Amino acid sequence: PYPGLHPKQRDQQVEGGDSPPVLRSGETPPAVLRHGPAGGAASYTDSSDDETSPRDKQQKNSKGSSDFCVKNIKQAEFGRREIEIAEQEMPALMALRKRAQGEKPLAGAKIVGCTHITAQTAVLMETLGALGAQCRWAACNIYSTLNEVAAALAESGFPVFAWKGESEDDFWWCIDRCVNVEGWQPNMILDDGGDLTHWIYKKYPNMFKKIKGIVEESVTGVHRLYQLSKAGKLCVPAMNVNDSVTKQKFDNLYCCRESILDGLKRTTDMMFGGKQVVVCGYGEVGKGCCAALKAMGSIVYVTEIDPICALQACMDGFRLVKLNEVIRQVDIVITCTGNKNVVTREHLDRMKNSCIVCNMGHSNTEIDVASLRTPELTWERVRSQVDHVIWPDGKRIVLLAEGRLLNLSCSTVPTFVLSITATTQALALIELYNAPEGRYKQDVYLLPKKMDEYVASLHLPTFDAHLTELTDEQAKYLGLNKNGPFKPNYYRYCSTTSLFILP
């Protein structure tokens, strides 16, 4: 249903071959990825003791329920501890539980979700449950699930279908198990990337008769929703959370500013000082990545198609280039565009030996990984989420997370920033679910500015921060309500990435 845009190809295939294999959580990294004849299916040699797919296991939680599919339900205690740690850094969700729990604003809501399943998501899910919702959940990324957290959620009674290292078939099977269940009909969708929405449109379009709305948090998913709306195929209201100020300026910018370094360090142990880096895209994600790398002493180039973002990059002190101009000399290539085939096989062929290639965009379409799955190239697994791809002449590149989201696949992201995003998602769900008939049409909407400000205000006590209040005279002069909203919808909150410097 998405004209001109293919679903995210999480495991891109060589034409005529099978999906590439994945390394499951807990498995020993294989030595070499060997290719079959004439571009046939590749297979990892693996010495793991536990190759049983979670789909083939019979597991029950302590209450006797088997309505879940996780790696190992026995890991639940460890996952519960991680969730408790995350709660300490998610003050707004905890405040939301206290303020709204008595009202149960989501009573009767049946939410089907497809997001990264981490400790932070678990806090969101348990908050939604405390507010009265029933939830069923799958993962939006095959590598980002924390198995112990999924186990803890399953133990608590949440139907969760996810594990780290799913195959392409597993991925869609998990989504289907969330949606296609006898006696349970979702009436709200919380999506990250649009795959869940796509699956329901494709397989169960009649479900939209009872669905009140969609909440989407990623660039990719929002793009798909606007395409549906433009084509007249969006049949329920949708909330674009990605472009909420409290999501875009915090999750996309500040989160990536910290997690890009974490992901690169954990996978490569590299030193950033003096390294030449090209960052493709200077949106909020690109701005965060560039600021962090510049602060560490890297020489940073930027590629961009948008003249406004390009001018921002120049004003922030970065050299604007075309990828072809620097591809032979850079040490690291990072994609942050949300587009497809940003780094092509031609670029990969021209890279210097040991160049590190990774993606910070949502989907794995930015780097043409499929073009690397050919007989003349050898893949060596170095460690989890790190592969050497070796050319016949001995040149190699270092590919991280097979081109998938680096920070959530290879490291973690700051919990406090995710608290902001998760609170925004929760309020968007509450708003759409409780909206009177006719308030929202079959279109894509931004979260009301008043709610954006409310999310921010819930996080200020963490810093012992005290807001200044307008006097009656000042409010009249500005033409504002003393309680907000304080900015019009057209206001552009500027970024300050150039101020991010080392202490």
Protein backbone atom coordinates (compact mmCIF):
# COMPACT_ATOMS: atom_id res chain seq x y z
CA PRO A 1 0.00 0.00 0.00
CA TYR A 2 3.01 2.34 -0.01
CA PRO A 3 3.49 3.61 -3.59
CA GLY A 4 7.10 3.89 -4.62
CA LEU A 5 8.49 2.64 -1.33
CA HIS A 6 9.33 -0.96 -0.60
CA PRO A 7 8.99 -2.37 2.91
CA LYS A 8 12.25 -2.29 4.81
CA GLN A 9 14.34 -5.19 3.56
CA ARG A 10 15.89 -6.13 6.85
CA ASP A 11 17.71 -9.10 5.39
CA GLN A 12 18.42 -8.14 1.82
CA GLN A 13 18.78 -11.06 -0.55
CA VAL A 14 21.03 -11.93 -3.41
CA GLU A 15 18.74 -12.46 -6.36
CA GLY A 16 17.93 -16.14 -6.59
CA GLY A 17 19.29 -16.87 -3.11
CA ASP A 18 17.95 -17.19 0.39
CA SER A 19 18.02 -14.60 3.15
CA PRO A 20 21.45 -14.33 4.80
CA PRO A 21 21.72 -16.16 8.10
CA VAL A 22 21.74 -14.35 11.41
CA LEU A 23 23.69 -14.95 14.59
CA ARG A 24 21.36 -15.58 17.50
CA SER A 25 21.93 -14.09 20.91
CA GLY A 26 24.33 -16.18 22.93
CA GLU A 27 25.82 -17.98 19.94
CA THR A 28 29.53 -18.17 19.38
CA PRO A 29 30.57 -15.88 16.51
CA PRO A 30 31.39 -17.98 13.48
CA ALA A 31 34.77 -17.87 11.85
CA VAL A 32 33.80 -17.30 8.25
CA LEU A 33 30.69 -16.62 6.21
CA ARG A 34 31.05 -18.90 3.21
CA HIS A 35 29.15 -18.33 -0.01
CA GLY A 36 27.57 -21.07 -2.03
CA PRO A 37 28.25 -21.51 -5.72
CA ALA A 38 27.13 -18.85 -8.17
CA GLY A 39 25.76 -16.51 -5.54
CA GLY A 40 23.67 -19.15 -3.82
CA ALA A 41 22.64 -19.07 -0.19
CA ALA A 42 25.37 -18.20 2.26
CA SER A 43 25.74 -19.95 5.60
CA TYR A 44 27.68 -19.27 8.75
CA THR A 45 29.72 -22.08 10.27
CA ASP A 46 28.70 -22.08 13.89
CA SER A 47 29.60 -24.03 17.02
CA SER A 48 26.74 -22.83 19.20
CA ASP A 49 25.24 -25.23 21.72
CA ASP A 50 21.78 -23.63 21.53
CA GLU A 51 20.56 -23.45 17.97
CA THR A 52 16.93 -24.09 18.84
CA SER A 53 14.68 -21.35 17.53
CA PRO A 54 12.38 -19.81 20.17
CA ARG A 55 9.53 -20.71 17.84
CA ASP A 56 10.31 -24.39 18.48
CA LYS A 57 10.42 -24.11 22.26
CA GLN A 58 7.51 -24.77 24.60
CA GLN A 59 7.77 -22.13 27.33
CA LYS A 60 5.41 -20.93 30.04
CA ASN A 61 5.69 -18.15 32.58
CA SER A 62 5.07 -18.67 36.30
CA LYS A 63 1.34 -18.02 35.80
CA GLY A 64 1.08 -20.82 33.22
CA SER A 65 0.68 -18.57 30.19
CA SER A 66 2.40 -19.45 26.92
CA ASP A 67 1.13 -16.44 24.94
CA PHE A 68 4.62 -15.15 24.14
CA CYS A 69 7.77 -16.16 22.27
CA VAL A 70 11.11 -15.08 23.71
CA LYS A 71 14.61 -16.53 23.79
CA ASN A 72 14.52 -17.82 27.37
CA ILE A 73 11.81 -17.08 29.94
CA LYS A 74 14.28 -18.03 32.69
CA GLN A 75 16.13 -14.77 32.09
CA ALA A 76 13.16 -12.78 33.41
CA GLU A 77 14.75 -11.93 36.77
CA PHE A 78 17.73 -10.29 35.07
CA GLY A 79 15.43 -8.35 32.76
CA ARG A 80 13.38 -7.12 35.71
CA ARG A 81 16.50 -5.61 37.26
CA GLU A 82 17.29 -3.79 34.02
CA ILE A 83 13.76 -2.41 33.88
CA GLU A 84 14.08 -1.17 37.47
CA ILE A 85 17.30 0.65 36.56
CA ALA A 86 15.61 2.26 33.55
CA GLU A 87 12.72 3.47 35.71
CA GLN A 88 15.14 5.67 37.65
CA GLU A 89 16.00 7.58 34.46
CA MET A 90 12.45 7.86 33.14
CA PRO A 91 10.85 10.34 35.53
CA ALA A 92 8.08 11.52 33.24
CA LEU A 93 6.62 8.06 32.67
CA MET A 94 6.71 7.37 36.39
CA ALA A 95 5.00 10.72 37.00
CA LEU A 96 2.42 9.88 34.35
CA ARG A 97 1.62 6.65 36.17
CA LYS A 98 1.01 8.56 39.40
CA ARG A 99 -1.03 11.36 37.83
CA ALA A 100 -3.22 9.34 35.47
CA GLN A 101 -3.39 5.87 36.96
CA GLY A 102 -6.58 6.63 38.85
CA GLU A 103 -8.30 7.91 35.71
CA LYS A 104 -7.26 4.94 33.54
CA PRO A 105 -7.32 7.07 30.34
CA LEU A 106 -6.48 3.99 28.26
CA ALA A 107 -9.10 1.70 29.75
CA GLY A 108 -10.40 -0.45 26.92
CA ALA A 109 -7.44 0.34 24.67
CA LYS A 110 -5.93 -2.68 22.94
CA ILE A 111 -2.55 -1.56 21.70
CA VAL A 112 -0.44 -3.57 19.30
CA GLY A 113 3.14 -2.31 19.23
CA CYS A 114 6.22 -2.81 17.08
CA THR A 115 9.25 -1.01 18.50
CA HIS A 116 12.71 -1.76 19.82
CA ILE A 117 12.24 -4.01 22.85
CA THR A 118 14.56 -2.62 25.46
CA ALA A 119 14.32 -1.83 29.16
CA GLN A 120 13.08 1.65 28.24
CA THR A 121 10.30 0.23 26.06
CA ALA A 122 9.37 -2.07 28.93
CA VAL A 123 8.82 0.96 31.18
CA LEU A 124 6.56 2.45 28.50
CA MET A 125 4.60 -0.79 28.08
CA GLU A 126 4.10 -1.19 31.82
CA THR A 127 3.01 2.45 32.03
CA LEU A 128 0.44 1.86 29.29
CA GLY A 129 -0.74 -1.19 31.22
CA ALA A 130 -1.03 0.87 34.41
CA LEU A 131 -3.17 3.36 32.49
CA GLY A 132 -5.61 0.62 31.53
CA ALA A 133 -4.37 -0.66 28.17
CA GLN A 134 -3.88 -4.22 26.99
CA CYS A 135 -0.72 -4.61 24.91
CA ARG A 136 0.78 -7.09 22.48
CA TRP A 137 4.29 -6.38 21.21
CA ALA A 138 6.84 -7.33 18.55
CA ALA A 139 10.28 -5.94 17.70
CA CYS A 140 10.89 -3.48 14.87
CA ASN A 141 14.54 -4.51 14.52
CA ILE A 142 15.95 -8.04 14.44
CA TYR A 143 19.04 -7.14 16.47
CA SER A 144 17.90 -4.59 19.06
CA THR A 145 15.84 -6.81 21.37
CA LEU A 146 17.24 -7.38 24.87
CA ASN A 147 16.34 -11.02 25.48
CA GLU A 148 16.24 -10.72 29.26
CA VAL A 149 13.88 -7.73 29.06
CA ALA A 150 11.58 -9.59 26.66
CA ALA A 151 11.57 -12.45 29.16
CA ALA A 152 10.70 -10.11 32.03
CA LEU A 153 7.77 -8.69 30.08
CA ALA A 154 6.54 -12.17 29.21
CA GLU A 155 6.80 -13.17 32.86
CA SER A 156 4.71 -10.12 33.79
CA GLY A 157 1.97 -11.25 31.44
CA PHE A 158 2.69 -9.17 28.35
CA PRO A 159 2.35 -11.12 25.08
CA VAL A 160 5.80 -10.36 23.62
CA PHE A 161 7.14 -11.95 20.46
CA ALA A 162 10.77 -11.01 19.94
CA TRP A 163 14.36 -12.13 20.39
CA LYS A 164 17.75 -10.86 19.33
CA GLY A 165 18.84 -12.31 16.00
CA GLU A 166 15.50 -13.03 14.34
CA SER A 167 15.48 -14.12 10.72
CA GLU A 168 13.39 -12.29 8.14
CA ASP A 169 10.72 -14.97 8.43
CA ASP A 170 10.83 -14.76 12.25
CA PHE A 171 10.38 -11.00 12.08
CA TRP A 172 7.10 -11.15 10.16
CA TRP A 173 5.94 -14.23 12.10
CA CYS A 174 6.30 -12.29 15.37
CA ILE A 175 4.30 -9.37 14.00
CA ASP A 176 1.60 -11.74 12.81
CA ARG A 177 1.40 -13.43 16.23
CA CYS A 178 0.74 -10.02 17.78
CA VAL A 179 -2.02 -9.13 15.36
CA ASN A 180 -3.68 -12.41 14.41
CA VAL A 181 -5.01 -13.79 17.69
CA GLU A 182 -8.44 -15.20 18.31
CA GLY A 183 -10.68 -13.12 20.53
CA TRP A 184 -8.45 -10.03 20.53
CA GLN A 185 -8.80 -7.09 18.13
CA PRO A 186 -6.38 -4.14 18.37
CA ASN A 187 -7.85 -0.66 18.40
CA MET A 188 -4.57 1.31 18.54
CA ILE A 189 -1.21 0.91 16.77
CA LEU A 190 2.16 2.07 18.11
CA ASP A 191 4.71 1.65 15.33
CA ASP A 192 8.39 2.38 14.74
CA GLY A 193 9.21 2.16 11.05
CA GLY A 194 5.80 1.32 9.61
CA ASP A 195 6.23 -2.45 9.29
CA LEU A 196 3.36 -3.28 11.65
CA THR A 197 1.05 -0.84 9.87
CA HIS A 198 2.15 -2.28 6.52
CA TRP A 199 1.46 -5.85 7.67
CA ILE A 200 -2.06 -5.03 8.84
CA TYR A 201 -2.80 -3.20 5.57
CA LYS A 202 -1.46 -6.15 3.63
CA LYS A 203 -2.95 -9.07 5.58
CA TYR A 204 -5.79 -7.78 7.74
CA PRO A 205 -7.19 -4.56 6.25
CA ASN A 206 -10.59 -5.13 7.87
CA MET A 207 -8.98 -4.55 11.26
CA PHE A 208 -8.83 -0.83 10.52
CA LYS A 209 -12.58 -0.65 10.99
CA LYS A 210 -11.99 -0.85 14.76
CA ILE A 211 -8.62 0.89 14.98
CA LYS A 212 -8.88 4.45 16.29
CA GLY A 213 -5.42 5.61 15.33
CA ILE A 214 -1.75 5.04 14.62
CA VAL A 215 1.17 6.54 16.51
CA GLU A 216 4.43 6.47 14.51
CA GLU A 217 7.83 7.60 15.75
CA SER A 218 10.35 7.13 12.92
CA VAL A 219 11.28 9.08 9.80
CA THR A 220 10.73 5.97 7.68
CA GLY A 221 7.31 5.19 9.14
CA VAL A 222 6.12 8.79 8.94
CA HIS A 223 7.19 8.94 5.30
CA ARG A 224 5.08 5.86 4.63
CA LEU A 225 2.07 7.38 6.40
CA TYR A 226 2.25 10.58 4.36
CA GLN A 227 2.45 8.50 1.19
CA LEU A 228 -0.66 6.61 2.26
CA SER A 229 -2.43 9.87 3.04
CA LYS A 230 -1.45 11.40 -0.30
CA ALA A 231 -2.72 8.33 -2.13
CA GLY A 232 -6.01 8.45 -0.21
CA LYS A 233 -5.33 5.06 1.40
CA LEU A 234 -4.90 6.13 5.03
CA CYS A 235 -8.13 4.97 6.64
CA VAL A 236 -7.51 6.06 10.28
CA PRO A 237 -5.98 9.14 11.94
CA ALA A 238 -2.24 8.97 12.54
CA MET A 239 0.02 10.90 14.90
CA ASN A 240 3.47 11.85 13.61
CA VAL A 241 5.50 11.65 16.81
CA ASN A 242 8.84 11.81 14.98
CA ASP A 243 8.41 15.48 14.18
CA SER A 244 7.27 16.43 17.67
CA VAL A 245 9.82 18.79 19.15
CA THR A 246 10.28 16.53 22.15
CA LYS A 247 11.14 13.62 19.89
CA GLN A 248 13.08 15.19 17.06
CA LYS A 249 15.21 17.61 19.02
CA PHE A 250 15.99 15.20 21.84
CA ASP A 251 15.85 11.58 20.67
CA ASN A 252 17.21 12.26 17.19
CA LEU A 253 19.78 14.88 18.17
CA TYR A 254 20.96 14.40 21.74
CA CYS A 255 20.53 10.63 21.78
CA CYS A 256 22.59 10.13 18.61
CA ARG A 257 25.18 12.63 19.82
CA GLU A 258 26.01 10.27 22.67
CA SER A 259 25.22 6.85 21.26
CA ILE A 260 27.19 7.12 18.00
CA LEU A 261 30.45 7.11 19.96
CA ASP A 262 29.26 4.28 22.19
CA GLY A 263 28.33 2.07 19.23
CA LEU A 264 31.62 2.67 17.41
CA LYS A 265 33.74 2.15 20.52
CA ARG A 266 32.07 -1.10 21.54
CA THR A 267 32.39 -2.64 18.09
CA THR A 268 35.79 -1.40 16.92
CA ASP A 269 37.69 -0.07 19.99
CA MET A 270 38.84 2.74 17.74
CA MET A 271 40.28 6.13 18.62
CA PHE A 272 38.48 9.06 16.98
CA GLY A 273 41.16 11.74 17.14
CA GLY A 274 42.43 12.58 13.65
CA LYS A 275 40.15 10.10 11.87
CA GLN A 276 38.46 11.29 8.68
CA VAL A 277 34.70 10.69 8.79
CA VAL A 278 31.95 11.35 6.28
CA VAL A 279 28.42 11.67 7.64
CA CYS A 280 25.70 11.31 5.01
CA GLY A 281 22.81 13.55 5.97
CA TYR A 282 22.70 16.59 8.27
CA GLY A 283 19.25 16.27 9.76
CA GLU A 284 18.89 15.96 13.53
CA VAL A 285 20.60 12.54 13.60
CA GLY A 286 23.44 13.74 11.40
CA LYS A 287 23.86 16.89 13.47
CA GLY A 288 24.24 14.82 16.64
CA CYS A 289 26.76 12.44 15.06
CA CYS A 290 28.84 15.24 13.58
CA ALA A 291 28.96 17.20 16.82
CA ALA A 292 30.15 14.19 18.83
CA LEU A 293 32.83 13.19 16.32
CA LYS A 294 34.07 16.76 15.94
CA ALA A 295 34.37 17.07 19.70
CA MET A 296 36.52 13.94 19.76
CA GLY A 297 38.95 15.44 17.26
CA SER A 298 37.77 13.76 14.07
CA ILE A 299 37.88 15.50 10.70
CA VAL A 300 34.24 15.45 9.61
CA TYR A 301 32.77 15.82 6.11
CA VAL A 302 29.05 16.07 5.41
CA THR A 303 26.94 15.12 2.39
CA GLU A 304 23.48 16.64 2.04
CA ILE A 305 20.74 17.16 -0.59
CA ASP A 306 18.86 19.90 1.28
CA PRO A 307 20.44 23.37 0.84
CA ILE A 308 19.16 24.55 4.23
CA CYS A 309 20.66 21.60 6.13
CA ALA A 310 23.77 21.96 3.96
CA LEU A 311 24.14 25.61 4.97
CA GLN A 312 23.74 24.64 8.61
CA ALA A 313 26.57 22.14 8.21
CA CYS A 314 28.81 24.82 6.71
CA MET A 315 27.97 27.28 9.51
CA ASP A 316 28.74 24.59 12.08
CA GLY A 317 32.22 24.25 10.59
CA PHE A 318 31.87 21.11 8.48
CA ARG A 319 33.00 20.77 4.89
CA LEU A 320 30.15 19.93 2.53
CA VAL A 321 31.18 17.38 -0.11
CA LYS A 322 29.85 14.75 -2.47
CA LEU A 323 30.50 11.22 -1.30
CA ASN A 324 32.52 10.42 -4.42
CA GLU A 325 34.97 13.20 -3.56
CA VAL A 326 36.10 11.73 -0.25
CA ILE A 327 35.24 8.04 -0.42
CA ARG A 328 38.84 6.95 -1.09
CA GLN A 329 40.31 8.78 1.91
CA VAL A 330 37.84 8.55 4.79
CA ASP A 331 38.23 6.13 7.70
CA ILE A 332 34.53 5.96 8.64
CA VAL A 333 31.31 6.26 6.62
CA ILE A 334 28.08 6.90 8.55
CA THR A 335 24.64 7.12 6.91
CA CYS A 336 21.87 9.19 8.53
CA THR A 337 19.43 9.90 5.69
CA GLY A 338 16.52 7.45 5.86
CA ASN A 339 16.99 6.99 2.11
CA LYS A 340 18.04 3.94 0.10
CA ASN A 341 21.32 3.11 -1.68
CA VAL A 342 23.16 6.10 -0.24
CA VAL A 343 26.33 3.98 -0.14
CA THR A 344 26.42 1.84 -3.28
CA ARG A 345 28.64 -1.05 -4.37
CA GLU A 346 30.67 1.45 -6.41
CA HIS A 347 31.39 3.41 -3.23
CA LEU A 348 32.21 0.23 -1.33
CA ASP A 349 34.64 -0.87 -4.05
CA ARG A 350 36.51 2.44 -3.82
CA MET A 351 36.83 2.60 -0.03
CA LYS A 352 40.26 2.38 1.56
CA ASN A 353 41.39 -0.73 3.38
CA SER A 354 39.79 -1.13 6.85
CA CYS A 355 37.22 1.62 6.31
CA ILE A 356 34.39 1.33 8.85
CA VAL A 357 30.88 1.44 7.38
CA CYS A 358 27.76 1.87 9.52
CA ASN A 359 24.23 3.25 9.55
CA MET A 360 22.45 5.49 12.06
CA GLY A 361 19.26 5.77 10.02
CA HIS A 362 16.21 3.72 10.93
CA SER A 363 16.17 1.10 8.17
CA ASN A 364 18.96 -0.93 6.61
CA THR A 365 18.41 0.26 3.06
CA GLU A 366 20.96 3.08 3.16
CA ILE A 367 23.98 0.82 2.58
CA ASP A 368 23.71 -1.58 -0.35
CA VAL A 369 24.63 -4.64 1.70
CA ALA A 370 22.94 -6.96 -0.79
CA SER A 371 25.59 -6.11 -3.37
CA LEU A 372 28.26 -7.47 -1.02
CA ARG A 373 26.72 -10.94 -0.86
CA THR A 374 28.48 -12.24 -3.96
CA PRO A 375 30.85 -15.21 -4.47
CA GLU A 376 33.99 -13.14 -5.02
CA LEU A 377 33.76 -11.49 -1.60
CA THR A 378 34.52 -13.26 1.68
CA TRP A 379 32.81 -12.40 4.93
CA GLU A 380 34.56 -12.95 8.27
CA ARG A 381 32.68 -12.51 11.52
CA VAL A 382 34.98 -10.66 13.92
CA ARG A 383 32.60 -10.37 16.86
CA SER A 384 28.89 -9.91 17.34
CA GLN A 385 27.61 -7.32 14.83
CA VAL A 386 31.06 -6.83 13.28
CA ASP A 387 32.00 -8.32 9.89
CA HIS A 388 35.04 -8.04 7.66
CA VAL A 389 34.08 -8.04 4.00
CA ILE A 390 37.20 -8.99 2.02
CA TRP A 391 37.86 -8.27 -1.66
CA PRO A 392 39.92 -10.62 -3.86
CA ASP A 393 42.96 -8.30 -3.64
CA GLY A 394 42.89 -8.48 0.16
CA LYS A 395 41.22 -5.13 0.80
CA ARG A 396 38.62 -5.29 3.53
CA ILE A 397 35.97 -3.05 5.02
CA VAL A 398 34.50 -3.30 8.51
CA LEU A 399 30.70 -3.51 8.29
CA LEU A 400 28.76 -2.93 11.50
CA ALA A 401 25.37 -4.54 12.26
CA GLU A 402 25.04 -5.59 8.60
CA GLY A 403 23.97 -2.02 7.81
CA ARG A 404 21.26 -1.86 10.47
CA LEU A 405 20.81 0.75 13.17
CA LEU A 406 24.20 1.02 14.88
CA ASN A 407 23.35 2.34 18.32
CA LEU A 408 20.45 0.02 19.13
CA SER A 409 22.08 -2.98 17.46
CA CYS A 410 25.57 -2.61 18.88
CA SER A 411 25.26 -0.59 22.08
CA THR A 412 22.62 1.16 24.13
CA VAL A 413 21.04 4.59 24.06
CA PRO A 414 20.59 7.08 26.93
CA THR A 415 17.55 6.15 28.98
CA PHE A 416 16.67 9.73 29.90
CA VAL A 417 16.28 10.76 26.26
CA LEU A 418 14.10 7.73 25.61
CA SER A 419 11.95 8.80 28.54
CA ILE A 420 11.12 11.95 26.58
CA THR A 421 10.18 10.00 23.46
CA ALA A 422 8.23 7.33 25.35
CA THR A 423 6.21 9.96 27.23
CA THR A 424 5.42 11.66 23.93
CA GLN A 425 4.23 8.31 22.54
CA ALA A 426 2.06 7.66 25.59
CA LEU A 427 0.39 11.08 25.36
CA ALA A 428 -0.19 10.63 21.63
CA LEU A 429 -1.92 7.31 22.29
CA ILE A 430 -4.07 8.89 25.01
CA GLU A 431 -4.97 11.81 22.74
CA LEU A 432 -5.99 9.69 19.76
CA TYR A 433 -7.80 7.09 21.85
CA ASN A 434 -9.89 9.65 23.75
CA ALA A 435 -10.44 12.17 20.95
CA PRO A 436 -14.13 12.88 20.29
CA GLU A 437 -15.57 11.77 16.96
CA GLY A 438 -14.51 14.13 14.19
CA ARG A 439 -11.58 15.83 15.89
CA TYR A 440 -9.11 13.90 13.75
CA LYS A 441 -9.75 12.96 10.13
CA GLN A 442 -8.03 10.22 8.13
CA ASP A 443 -4.80 12.16 7.95
CA VAL A 444 -1.41 12.57 9.63
CA TYR A 445 -1.17 15.00 12.56
CA LEU A 446 1.51 16.44 14.80
CA LEU A 447 1.15 16.21 18.56
CA PRO A 448 -0.44 19.41 19.89
CA LYS A 449 2.22 21.89 21.04
CA LYS A 450 0.72 22.01 24.52
CA MET A 451 1.48 18.30 24.94
CA ASP A 452 5.03 18.79 23.70
CA GLU A 453 5.53 21.40 26.40
CA TYR A 454 3.94 19.15 29.01
CA VAL A 455 6.39 16.33 28.19
CA ALA A 456 9.31 18.73 28.60
CA SER A 457 7.96 20.09 31.90
CA LEU A 458 7.74 16.59 33.37
CA HIS A 459 11.49 16.16 32.90
CA LEU A 460 12.63 19.49 34.37
CA PRO A 461 12.45 18.42 38.06
CA THR A 462 15.29 15.96 37.37
CA PHE A 463 17.61 18.96 36.93
CA ASP A 464 16.09 20.92 39.83
CA ALA A 465 15.11 23.40 37.13
CA HIS A 466 12.64 26.21 37.84
CA LEU A 467 10.56 27.80 35.09
CA THR A 468 9.96 31.53 35.04
CA GLU A 469 6.28 32.47 34.99
CA LEU A 470 4.85 35.27 32.89
CA THR A 471 3.12 38.14 34.62
CA ASP A 472 -0.37 39.05 33.44
CA GLU A 473 1.07 42.13 31.74
CA GLN A 474 3.78 40.12 29.96
CA ALA A 475 1.33 37.45 28.81
CA LYS A 476 -0.98 40.15 27.42
CA TYR A 477 1.93 41.86 25.65
CA LEU A 478 2.97 38.60 23.96
CA GLY A 479 -0.58 37.50 23.31
CA LEU A 480 -0.05 34.23 25.19
CA ASN A 481 -1.87 32.19 27.77
CA LYS A 482 0.23 32.19 30.95
CA ASN A 483 0.15 28.39 30.90
CA GLY A 484 1.14 27.99 27.25
CA PRO A 485 1.52 27.00 24.56
CA PHE A 486 4.44 29.40 24.36
CA LYS A 487 5.44 28.98 20.73
CA PRO A 488 3.37 28.86 17.54
CA ASN A 489 3.39 25.70 15.43
CA TYR A 490 5.63 27.36 12.84
CA TYR A 491 8.36 28.11 15.39
CA ARG A 492 11.67 26.36 14.59
CA TYR A 493 13.59 25.26 17.65
CA CYS A 494 17.21 25.69 16.55
CA SER A 495 19.95 23.18 17.30
CA THR A 496 23.16 24.04 19.13
CA THR A 497 25.38 21.20 18.00
CA SER A 498 28.32 23.51 17.34
CA LEU A 499 28.39 24.31 21.07
CA PHE A 500 29.05 20.69 21.99
CA ILE A 501 32.74 20.72 22.97
CA LEU A 502 34.99 18.66 25.16
CA PRO A 503 35.37 19.86 28.76
